[in-house]
Protein backbone atom coordinates (compact mmCIF):
# COMPACT_ATOMS: atom_id res chain seq x y z
CA MET A 1 2.11 -43.81 -102.58
CA SER A 2 3.00 -47.20 -102.07
CA CYS A 3 4.67 -47.71 -97.72
CA PHE A 4 6.57 -50.97 -97.67
CA GLY A 5 7.30 -52.08 -93.83
CA LEU A 6 9.72 -54.29 -92.72
CA THR A 7 9.54 -56.20 -88.95
CA LEU A 8 12.85 -58.48 -87.84
CA SER A 9 14.43 -59.03 -84.91
CA LEU A 10 16.60 -57.11 -82.93
CA GLY A 11 20.29 -58.40 -84.06
CA THR A 12 19.08 -59.71 -87.49
CA GLY A 13 19.75 -56.94 -90.34
CA LYS A 14 18.00 -53.87 -90.64
CA THR A 15 20.03 -51.49 -90.59
CA ARG A 16 22.03 -53.43 -93.25
CA VAL A 17 19.07 -53.62 -95.76
CA ILE A 18 18.65 -49.71 -95.35
CA THR A 19 21.71 -49.10 -96.20
CA SER A 20 22.01 -51.66 -98.68
CA LEU A 21 18.74 -50.00 -100.25
CA ILE A 22 20.48 -46.40 -100.03
CA SER A 23 22.99 -47.67 -101.74
CA LEU A 24 20.43 -49.32 -104.42
CA LEU A 25 18.80 -46.50 -104.65
CA LEU A 26 21.75 -44.39 -105.88
CA HIS A 27 23.31 -47.05 -108.40
CA THR A 28 19.98 -47.36 -110.65
CA CYS A 29 18.82 -43.79 -110.01
CA PRO A 30 21.79 -41.58 -109.69
CA THR A 31 19.48 -38.39 -109.94
CA LYS A 32 16.68 -38.76 -107.36
CA THR A 33 16.47 -37.77 -103.85
CA ILE A 34 16.60 -39.37 -100.66
CA LEU A 35 15.60 -38.45 -96.58
CA VAL A 36 17.02 -41.66 -94.38
CA THR A 37 15.00 -40.57 -90.97
CA ALA A 38 15.16 -41.99 -86.93
CA PRO A 39 13.69 -40.93 -83.94
CA THR A 40 17.06 -40.70 -82.47
CA HIS A 41 20.19 -38.82 -83.47
CA GLN A 42 21.97 -42.51 -82.27
CA ALA A 43 19.95 -44.81 -84.57
CA VAL A 44 20.52 -41.80 -87.30
CA ASP A 45 23.96 -42.09 -87.39
CA THR A 46 24.29 -45.77 -86.70
CA ILE A 47 22.57 -45.66 -90.41
CA LEU A 48 25.29 -43.18 -91.63
CA LYS A 49 27.97 -44.59 -90.52
CA GLN A 50 27.06 -48.05 -91.87
CA PHE A 51 26.36 -46.66 -95.49
CA LEU A 52 29.48 -44.91 -95.04
CA GLN A 53 32.21 -48.06 -94.66
CA ALA A 54 30.13 -49.86 -97.20
CA HIS A 55 30.90 -47.08 -99.01
CA GLU A 56 34.69 -46.37 -98.21
CA ARG A 57 36.53 -48.85 -100.57
CA ASN A 58 33.85 -47.92 -103.76
CA PRO A 59 35.89 -45.26 -105.66
CA ASP A 60 33.72 -44.74 -107.53
CA PHE A 61 31.95 -43.50 -104.39
CA LYS A 62 32.60 -40.22 -103.76
CA PRO A 63 29.88 -38.08 -100.76
CA SER A 64 30.17 -34.97 -101.45
CA ARG A 65 29.49 -35.63 -105.04
CA ARG A 66 26.64 -37.19 -104.03
CA LYS A 67 25.73 -34.22 -101.53
CA LEU A 68 25.45 -35.77 -98.61
CA VAL A 69 24.10 -33.93 -95.86
CA ARG A 70 23.67 -34.75 -91.96
CA ILE A 71 20.49 -32.68 -90.24
CA GLY A 72 21.90 -32.11 -86.30
CA THR A 73 24.03 -29.85 -84.22
CA ARG A 74 27.61 -31.42 -82.81
CA ASP A 75 25.87 -31.78 -79.58
CA THR A 76 23.40 -34.39 -81.17
CA VAL A 77 25.57 -35.85 -83.85
CA ASP A 78 28.85 -38.21 -83.92
CA PRO A 79 32.00 -36.48 -84.34
CA ALA A 80 32.47 -38.82 -87.31
CA HIS A 81 29.62 -36.83 -88.95
CA TRP A 82 30.52 -33.59 -88.08
CA PRO A 83 32.06 -32.68 -91.88
CA TYR A 84 27.95 -33.41 -93.61
CA LEU A 85 27.27 -30.88 -91.26
CA PRO A 86 25.60 -28.28 -93.25
CA TYR A 87 26.63 -25.50 -92.04
CA ASN A 88 30.35 -26.75 -91.20
CA THR A 89 30.97 -25.10 -95.08
CA VAL A 90 28.14 -22.05 -94.85
CA ASN A 91 27.94 -18.74 -93.14
CA ASP A 92 24.95 -17.16 -93.69
CA VAL A 93 21.02 -19.14 -93.70
CA GLU A 94 20.54 -18.32 -96.99
CA THR A 95 23.23 -20.63 -98.04
CA LEU A 96 22.64 -22.90 -95.53
CA ASP A 97 19.50 -23.62 -97.12
CA LYS A 98 20.16 -24.14 -100.48
CA ARG A 99 22.94 -26.65 -99.05
CA VAL A 100 20.41 -28.64 -97.73
CA TYR A 101 17.83 -27.97 -100.23
CA TYR A 102 19.82 -29.64 -103.49
CA SER A 103 21.68 -32.41 -101.21
CA SER A 104 21.14 -36.00 -103.09
CA ILE A 105 20.68 -37.80 -99.81
CA VAL A 106 19.79 -36.28 -96.20
CA PHE A 107 19.99 -38.39 -92.89
CA SER A 108 18.07 -36.99 -89.98
CA THR A 109 15.77 -37.93 -87.25
CA THR A 110 12.70 -37.71 -88.22
CA LEU A 111 11.17 -34.73 -85.38
CA SER A 112 14.27 -32.46 -87.84
CA ALA A 113 12.49 -33.91 -91.06
CA GLY A 114 8.86 -31.55 -90.43
CA VAL A 115 11.02 -28.43 -89.57
CA GLY A 116 12.96 -26.16 -91.41
CA VAL A 117 14.79 -26.22 -94.61
CA LEU A 118 12.85 -29.84 -94.30
CA ALA A 119 10.12 -29.09 -94.60
CA THR A 120 10.03 -27.63 -97.94
CA CYS A 121 12.11 -30.22 -99.41
CA LYS A 122 10.47 -32.81 -101.89
CA PHE A 123 12.12 -36.42 -101.90
CA ASP A 124 11.91 -39.30 -104.15
CA THR A 125 12.50 -42.02 -101.22
CA VAL A 126 12.15 -41.33 -97.60
CA ILE A 127 13.12 -44.02 -95.66
CA VAL A 128 12.02 -43.55 -91.97
CA ASP A 129 13.65 -46.60 -89.89
CA GLU A 130 11.71 -47.93 -86.66
CA ALA A 131 9.09 -46.34 -87.91
CA ALA A 132 6.73 -47.96 -85.33
CA GLN A 133 8.20 -44.78 -82.53
CA VAL A 134 7.27 -42.24 -85.18
CA SER A 135 3.69 -41.94 -83.35
CA ASN A 136 2.82 -38.68 -83.71
CA ALA A 137 0.33 -37.76 -86.67
CA PRO A 138 1.81 -34.60 -88.26
CA HIS A 139 5.10 -35.49 -88.18
CA THR A 140 4.18 -38.56 -89.92
CA LEU A 141 2.37 -36.14 -92.24
CA GLN A 142 4.52 -34.13 -93.10
CA LEU A 143 6.92 -36.91 -94.61
CA GLN A 144 4.21 -38.32 -96.48
CA ARG A 145 3.94 -35.01 -97.84
CA GLN A 146 7.50 -35.23 -98.70
CA ARG A 147 7.48 -38.16 -100.77
CA THR A 148 7.01 -37.22 -104.25
CA ASN A 149 7.76 -40.25 -107.49
CA CYS A 150 10.19 -43.09 -106.61
CA SER A 151 9.92 -44.10 -110.13
CA CYS A 152 13.41 -43.92 -112.10
CA ARG A 153 13.38 -42.64 -115.56
């Protein structure tokens, strides 16, 4: 497995780099799956917000076409991102799990990425924001298991 780190000072554009990387992956490898994690819901929402803002003027990009999902609850997720919560559109657990499982891009906290349906999902690319804050070894191992193959075919 290849791992890459990005270490920059506060306010130097790390989130912009992450959103650009997501965009590049979706453009060059449209069938690949991406898991984006961060240690807090606020950090996840910041990445998702910048990602959506970067694409709002792009007529070819439709988040629903990409099957974008934001894992969390209404208590923890920015209200602007509630439309991406999977349980907003489904009523039963099996359908909910399928919606998450077949999503192209999933935004989640690092902790949530290791439990529930996400624990069984495989992603072609896993992006961990603030990875230095992920000190819990079981979660790190789970994220490693979720990553499969990043190459475009």
